[in-house]
């Protein structure tokens, strides 16, 4: 029981770190165009759940809102 809980916790922490790094790297690459995805809890959780397509969706949303 404890092993399953620790495995799930490790997976959540791993996805959280992955999401933060993806947002940071994407912002560094796309910054010259003028698109910046804010790094807040909502965007991190959405990228944890949906993955890279959510990054593309956020960047298109920021692009069209400008």
PDB file of N, CA and C in Angstrom:
ATOM      1  N   UNK A   1       0.821  -1.198   0.000  1.00  0.00           N
ATOM      2  CA  UNK A   1       0.000   0.000   0.000  1.00  0.00           C
ATOM      3  C   UNK A   1       0.861   1.256   0.000  1.00  0.00           C
ATOM      4  N   UNK A   2       1.867   1.265   0.851  1.00  0.00           N
ATOM      5  CA  UNK A   2       2.748   2.422   0.934  1.00  0.00           C
ATOM      6  C   UNK A   2       3.570   2.581  -0.341  1.00  0.00           C
ATOM      7  N   UNK A   3       3.990   1.467  -0.915  1.00  0.00           N
ATOM      8  CA  UNK A   3       4.768   1.521  -2.150  1.00  0.00           C
ATOM      9  C   UNK A   3       3.949   2.129  -3.287  1.00  0.00           C
ATOM     10  N   UNK A   4       2.678   1.795  -3.373  1.00  0.00           N
ATOM     11  CA  UNK A   4       1.805   2.349  -4.411  1.00  0.00           C
ATOM     12  C   UNK A   4       1.645   3.850  -4.211  1.00  0.00           C
ATOM     13  N   UNK A   5       1.463   4.265  -2.954  1.00  0.00           N
ATOM     14  CA  UNK A   5       1.343   5.690  -2.649  1.00  0.00           C
ATOM     15  C   UNK A   5       2.617   6.441  -3.011  1.00  0.00           C
ATOM     16  N   UNK A   6       3.767   5.877  -2.664  1.00  0.00           N
ATOM     17  CA  UNK A   6       5.038   6.536  -2.964  1.00  0.00           C
ATOM     18  C   UNK A   6       5.302   6.587  -4.466  1.00  0.00           C
ATOM     19  N   UNK A   7       4.907   5.540  -5.180  1.00  0.00           N
ATOM     20  CA  UNK A   7       5.061   5.545  -6.638  1.00  0.00           C
ATOM     21  C   UNK A   7       4.194   6.629  -7.276  1.00  0.00           C
ATOM     22  N   UNK A   8       2.967   6.765  -6.799  1.00  0.00           N
ATOM     23  CA  UNK A   8       2.079   7.813  -7.317  1.00  0.00           C
ATOM     24  C   UNK A   8       2.608   9.199  -6.988  1.00  0.00           C
ATOM     25  N   UNK A   9       3.102   9.377  -5.772  1.00  0.00           N
ATOM     26  CA  UNK A   9       3.666  10.660  -5.368  1.00  0.00           C
ATOM     27  C   UNK A   9       4.893  11.004  -6.211  1.00  0.00           C
ATOM     28  N   UNK A  10       5.741  10.022  -6.454  1.00  0.00           N
ATOM     29  CA  UNK A  10       6.920  10.238  -7.290  1.00  0.00           C
ATOM     30  C   UNK A  10       6.519  10.618  -8.711  1.00  0.00           C
ATOM     31  N   UNK A  11       5.484   9.994  -9.244  1.00  0.00           N
ATOM     32  CA  UNK A  11       5.005  10.302 -10.591  1.00  0.00           C
ATOM     33  C   UNK A  11       4.464  11.731 -10.663  1.00  0.00           C
ATOM     34  N   UNK A  12       3.728  12.155  -9.647  1.00  0.00           N
ATOM     35  CA  UNK A  12       3.186  13.510  -9.626  1.00  0.00           C
ATOM     36  C   UNK A  12       4.307  14.537  -9.538  1.00  0.00           C
ATOM     37  N   UNK A  13       5.294  14.286  -8.685  1.00  0.00           N
ATOM     38  CA  UNK A  13       6.427  15.215  -8.563  1.00  0.00           C
ATOM     39  C   UNK A  13       7.217  15.268  -9.862  1.00  0.00           C
ATOM     40  N   UNK A  14       7.395  14.117 -10.495  1.00  0.00           N
ATOM     41  CA  UNK A  14       8.117  14.062 -11.763  1.00  0.00           C
ATOM     42  C   UNK A  14       7.390  14.841 -12.860  1.00  0.00           C
ATOM     43  N   UNK A  15       6.078  14.699 -12.930  1.00  0.00           N
ATOM     44  CA  UNK A  15       5.292  15.444 -13.919  1.00  0.00           C
ATOM     45  C   UNK A  15       5.309  16.942 -13.629  1.00  0.00           C
ATOM     46  N   UNK A  16       5.293  17.323 -12.353  1.00  0.00           N
ATOM     47  CA  UNK A  16       5.355  18.730 -11.982  1.00  0.00           C
ATOM     48  C   UNK A  16       6.674  19.349 -12.446  1.00  0.00           C
ATOM     49  N   UNK A  17       7.774  18.675 -12.165  1.00  0.00           N
ATOM     50  CA  UNK A  17       9.089  19.187 -12.578  1.00  0.00           C
ATOM     51  C   UNK A  17       9.188  19.231 -14.098  1.00  0.00           C
ATOM     52  N   UNK A  18       8.701  18.201 -14.770  1.00  0.00           N
ATOM     53  CA  UNK A  18       8.697  18.171 -16.227  1.00  0.00           C
ATOM     54  C   UNK A  18       7.900  19.349 -16.798  1.00  0.00           C
ATOM     55  N   UNK A  19       6.757  19.637 -16.199  1.00  0.00           N
ATOM     56  CA  UNK A  19       5.916  20.731 -16.680  1.00  0.00           C
ATOM     57  C   UNK A  19       6.604  22.079 -16.518  1.00  0.00           C
ATOM     58  N   UNK A  20       7.236  22.292 -15.382  1.00  0.00           N
ATOM     59  CA  UNK A  20       7.951  23.549 -15.157  1.00  0.00           C
ATOM     60  C   UNK A  20       9.092  23.702 -16.162  1.00  0.00           C
ATOM     61  N   UNK A  21       9.821  22.639 -16.385  1.00  0.00           N
ATOM     62  CA  UNK A  21      10.938  22.705 -17.341  1.00  0.00           C
ATOM     63  C   UNK A  21      10.454  22.907 -18.775  1.00  0.00           C
ATOM     64  N   UNK A  22       9.339  22.309 -19.136  1.00  0.00           N
ATOM     65  CA  UNK A  22       8.788  22.492 -20.482  1.00  0.00           C
ATOM     66  C   UNK A  22       8.351  23.938 -20.686  1.00  0.00           C
ATOM     67  N   UNK A  23       7.677  24.513 -19.703  1.00  0.00           N
ATOM     68  CA  UNK A  23       7.255  25.916 -19.827  1.00  0.00           C
ATOM     69  C   UNK A  23       8.470  26.829 -19.921  1.00  0.00           C
ATOM     70  N   UNK A  24       9.463  26.592 -19.075  1.00  0.00           N
ATOM     71  CA  UNK A  24      10.656  27.432 -19.082  1.00  0.00           C
ATOM     72  C   UNK A  24      11.396  27.335 -20.426  1.00  0.00           C
ATOM     73  N   UNK A  25      11.599  26.120 -20.909  1.00  0.00           N
ATOM     74  CA  UNK A  25      12.307  25.933 -22.175  1.00  0.00           C
ATOM     75  C   UNK A  25      11.523  26.528 -23.339  1.00  0.00           C
ATOM     76  N   UNK A  26      10.222  26.324 -23.337  1.00  0.00           N
ATOM     77  CA  UNK A  26       9.407  26.869 -24.417  1.00  0.00           C
ATOM     78  C   UNK A  26       9.430  28.394 -24.402  1.00  0.00           C
ATOM     79  N   UNK A  27       9.385  28.988 -23.204  1.00  0.00           N
ATOM     80  CA  UNK A  27       9.470  30.447 -23.105  1.00  0.00           C
ATOM     81  C   UNK A  27      10.818  30.969 -23.596  1.00  0.00           C
ATOM     82  N   UNK A  28      11.887  30.249 -23.314  1.00  0.00           N
ATOM     83  CA  UNK A  28      13.206  30.683 -23.772  1.00  0.00           C
ATOM     84  C   UNK A  28      13.316  30.602 -25.297  1.00  0.00           C
ATOM     85  N   UNK A  29      12.707  29.604 -25.895  1.00  0.00           N
ATOM     86  CA  UNK A  29      12.780  29.443 -27.346  1.00  0.00           C
ATOM     87  C   UNK A  29      11.881  30.445 -28.057  1.00  0.00           C
ATOM     88  N   UNK A  30      10.690  30.665 -27.560  1.00  0.00           N
ATOM     89  CA  UNK A  30       9.681  31.449 -28.263  1.00  0.00           C
ATOM     90  C   UNK A  30       9.688  32.923 -27.854  1.00  0.00           C
ATOM     91  N   UNK A  31      10.536  33.315 -26.901  1.00  0.00           N
ATOM     92  CA  UNK A  31      10.577  34.695 -26.402  1.00  0.00           C
ATOM     93  C   UNK A  31      10.821  35.738 -27.494  1.00  0.00           C
ATOM     94  N   UNK A  32      11.695  35.497 -28.480  1.00  0.00           N
ATOM     95  CA  UNK A  32      11.905  36.536 -29.514  1.00  0.00           C
ATOM     96  C   UNK A  32      10.650  36.887 -30.312  1.00  0.00           C
ATOM     97  N   UNK A  33       9.700  35.990 -30.401  1.00  0.00           N
ATOM     98  CA  UNK A  33       8.455  36.283 -31.111  1.00  0.00           C
ATOM     99  C   UNK A  33       7.552  37.175 -30.270  1.00  0.00           C
ATOM    100  N   UNK A  34       7.717  37.149 -28.980  1.00  0.00           N
ATOM    101  CA  UNK A  34       6.929  37.984 -28.093  1.00  0.00           C
ATOM    102  C   UNK A  34       5.846  37.222 -27.358  1.00  0.00           C
ATOM    103  N   UNK A  35       5.890  35.906 -27.419  1.00  0.00           N
ATOM    104  CA  UNK A  35       4.907  35.086 -26.723  1.00  0.00           C
ATOM    105  C   UNK A  35       5.555  34.567 -25.444  1.00  0.00           C
ATOM    106  N   UNK A  36       4.883  34.775 -24.335  1.00  0.00           N
ATOM    107  CA  UNK A  36       5.373  34.258 -23.059  1.00  0.00           C
ATOM    108  C   UNK A  36       4.210  33.559 -22.362  1.00  0.00           C
ATOM    109  N   UNK A  37       4.408  32.306 -22.026  1.00  0.00           N
ATOM    110  CA  UNK A  37       3.403  31.556 -21.273  1.00  0.00           C
ATOM    111  C   UNK A  37       3.690  31.798 -19.792  1.00  0.00           C
ATOM    112  N   UNK A  38       2.723  32.314 -19.054  1.00  0.00           N
ATOM    113  CA  UNK A  38       2.978  32.562 -17.635  1.00  0.00           C
ATOM    114  C   UNK A  38       3.188  31.255 -16.872  1.00  0.00           C
ATOM    115  N   UNK A  39       4.117  31.268 -15.950  1.00  0.00           N
ATOM    116  CA  UNK A  39       4.403  30.071 -15.173  1.00  0.00           C
ATOM    117  C   UNK A  39       3.671  30.193 -13.834  1.00  0.00           C
ATOM    118  N   UNK A  40       2.418  29.771 -13.829  1.00  0.00           N
ATOM    119  CA  UNK A  40       1.642  29.763 -12.598  1.00  0.00           C
ATOM    120  C   UNK A  40       1.077  28.366 -12.377  1.00  0.00           C
ATOM    121  N   UNK A  41       0.393  28.191 -11.280  1.00  0.00           N
ATOM    122  CA  UNK A  41      -0.080  26.863 -10.900  1.00  0.00           C
ATOM    123  C   UNK A  41      -1.082  26.299 -11.906  1.00  0.00           C
ATOM    124  N   UNK A  42      -1.937  27.158 -12.457  1.00  0.00           N
ATOM    125  CA  UNK A  42      -2.927  26.692 -13.435  1.00  0.00           C
ATOM    126  C   UNK A  42      -2.253  26.115 -14.680  1.00  0.00           C
ATOM    127  N   UNK A  43      -1.287  26.834 -15.247  1.00  0.00           N
ATOM    128  CA  UNK A  43      -0.634  26.342 -16.460  1.00  0.00           C
ATOM    129  C   UNK A  43       0.189  25.098 -16.176  1.00  0.00           C
ATOM    130  N   UNK A  44       0.810  25.035 -15.012  1.00  0.00           N
ATOM    131  CA  UNK A  44       1.605  23.853 -14.669  1.00  0.00           C
ATOM    132  C   UNK A  44       0.704  22.631 -14.537  1.00  0.00           C
ATOM    133  N   UNK A  45      -0.433  22.786 -13.867  1.00  0.00           N
ATOM    134  CA  UNK A  45      -1.350  21.651 -13.706  1.00  0.00           C
ATOM    135  C   UNK A  45      -1.941  21.237 -15.050  1.00  0.00           C
ATOM    136  N   UNK A  46      -2.278  22.205 -15.901  1.00  0.00           N
ATOM    137  CA  UNK A  46      -2.821  21.855 -17.215  1.00  0.00           C
ATOM    138  C   UNK A  46      -1.793  21.100 -18.056  1.00  0.00           C
ATOM    139  N   UNK A  47      -0.541  21.495 -17.977  1.00  0.00           N
ATOM    140  CA  UNK A  47       0.495  20.799 -18.741  1.00  0.00           C
ATOM    141  C   UNK A  47       0.780  19.435 -18.122  1.00  0.00           C
ATOM    142  N   UNK A  48       0.631  19.319 -16.798  1.00  0.00           N
ATOM    143  CA  UNK A  48       0.763  18.007 -16.164  1.00  0.00           C
ATOM    144  C   UNK A  48      -0.309  17.050 -16.686  1.00  0.00           C
ATOM    145  N   UNK A  49      -1.511  17.553 -16.876  1.00  0.00           N
ATOM    146  CA  UNK A  49      -2.616  16.695 -17.299  1.00  0.00           C
ATOM    147  C   UNK A  49      -2.613  16.426 -18.802  1.00  0.00           C
ATOM    148  N   UNK A  50      -2.358  17.460 -19.608  1.00  0.00           N
ATOM    149  CA  UNK A  50      -2.523  17.330 -21.067  1.00  0.00           C
ATOM    150  C   UNK A  50      -1.215  17.155 -21.823  1.00  0.00           C
ATOM    151  N   UNK A  51      -0.115  17.599 -21.262  1.00  0.00           N
ATOM    152  CA  UNK A  51       1.165  17.434 -21.925  1.00  0.00           C
ATOM    153  C   UNK A  51       1.483  18.557 -22.898  1.00  0.00           C
ATOM    154  N   UNK A  52       2.294  18.240 -23.896  1.00  0.00           N
ATOM    155  CA  UNK A  52       2.793  19.256 -24.822  1.00  0.00           C
ATOM    156  C   UNK A  52       1.711  19.913 -25.677  1.00  0.00           C
ATOM    157  N   UNK A  53       0.634  19.221 -26.071  1.00  0.00           N
ATOM    158  CA  UNK A  53      -0.423  19.933 -26.824  1.00  0.00           C
ATOM    159  C   UNK A  53      -1.011  21.114 -26.060  1.00  0.00           C
ATOM    160  N   UNK A  54      -1.001  21.042 -24.759  1.00  0.00           N
ATOM    161  CA  UNK A  54      -1.490  22.162 -23.948  1.00  0.00           C
ATOM    162  C   UNK A  54      -0.538  23.360 -24.061  1.00  0.00           C
ATOM    163  N   UNK A  55       0.754  23.104 -24.182  1.00  0.00           N
ATOM    164  CA  UNK A  55       1.725  24.190 -24.379  1.00  0.00           C
ATOM    165  C   UNK A  55       1.439  24.900 -25.691  1.00  0.00           C
ATOM    166  N   UNK A  56       1.186  24.137 -26.728  1.00  0.00           N
ATOM    167  CA  UNK A  56       0.854  24.721 -28.024  1.00  0.00           C
ATOM    168  C   UNK A  56      -0.445  25.518 -27.927  1.00  0.00           C
ATOM    169  N   UNK A  57      -1.421  24.978 -27.212  1.00  0.00           N
ATOM    170  CA  UNK A  57      -2.688  25.683 -27.032  1.00  0.00           C
ATOM    171  C   UNK A  57      -2.515  26.991 -26.284  1.00  0.00           C
ATOM    172  N   UNK A  58      -1.719  26.986 -25.220  1.00  0.00           N
ATOM    173  CA  UNK A  58      -1.465  28.217 -24.475  1.00  0.00           C
ATOM    174  C   UNK A  58      -0.723  29.242 -25.329  1.00  0.00           C
ATOM    175  N   UNK A  59       0.237  28.780 -26.124  1.00  0.00           N
ATOM    176  CA  UNK A  59       0.986  29.724 -26.955  1.00  0.00           C
ATOM    177  C   UNK A  59       0.091  30.319 -28.050  1.00  0.00           C
ATOM    178  N   UNK A  60      -0.791  29.517 -28.633  1.00  0.00           N
ATOM    179  CA  UNK A  60      -1.723  30.058 -29.621  1.00  0.00           C
ATOM    180  C   UNK A  60      -2.704  31.021 -28.984  1.00  0.00           C
ATOM    181  N   UNK A  61      -3.149  30.696 -27.770  1.00  0.00           N
ATOM    182  CA  UNK A  61      -4.037  31.605 -27.055  1.00  0.00           C
ATOM    183  C   UNK A  61      -3.350  32.937 -26.788  1.00  0.00           C
ATOM    184  N   UNK A  62      -2.087  32.900 -26.341  1.00  0.00           N
ATOM    185  CA  UNK A  62      -1.344  34.144 -26.092  1.00  0.00           C
ATOM    186  C   UNK A  62      -1.106  34.908 -27.401  1.00  0.00           C
ATOM    187  N   UNK A  63      -0.876  34.191 -28.489  1.00  0.00           N
ATOM    188  CA  UNK A  63      -0.632  34.831 -29.768  1.00  0.00           C
ATOM    189  C   UNK A  63      -1.882  35.547 -30.271  1.00  0.00           C
ATOM    190  N   UNK A  64      -3.039  34.918 -30.162  1.00  0.00           N
ATOM    191  CA  UNK A  64      -4.270  35.522 -30.651  1.00  0.00           C
ATOM    192  C   UNK A  64      -4.822  36.600 -29.724  1.00  0.00           C
ATOM    193  N   UNK A  65      -4.451  36.577 -28.463  1.00  0.00           N
ATOM    194  CA  UNK A  65      -4.907  37.596 -27.538  1.00  0.00           C
ATOM    195  C   UNK A  65      -4.130  38.901 -27.685  1.00  0.00           C
ATOM    196  N   UNK A  66      -2.999  38.858 -28.350  1.00  0.00           N
ATOM    197  CA  UNK A  66      -2.186  40.071 -28.520  1.00  0.00           C
ATOM    198  C   UNK A  66      -2.747  40.897 -29.590  1.00  0.00           C
TER     199      UNK A  66
END
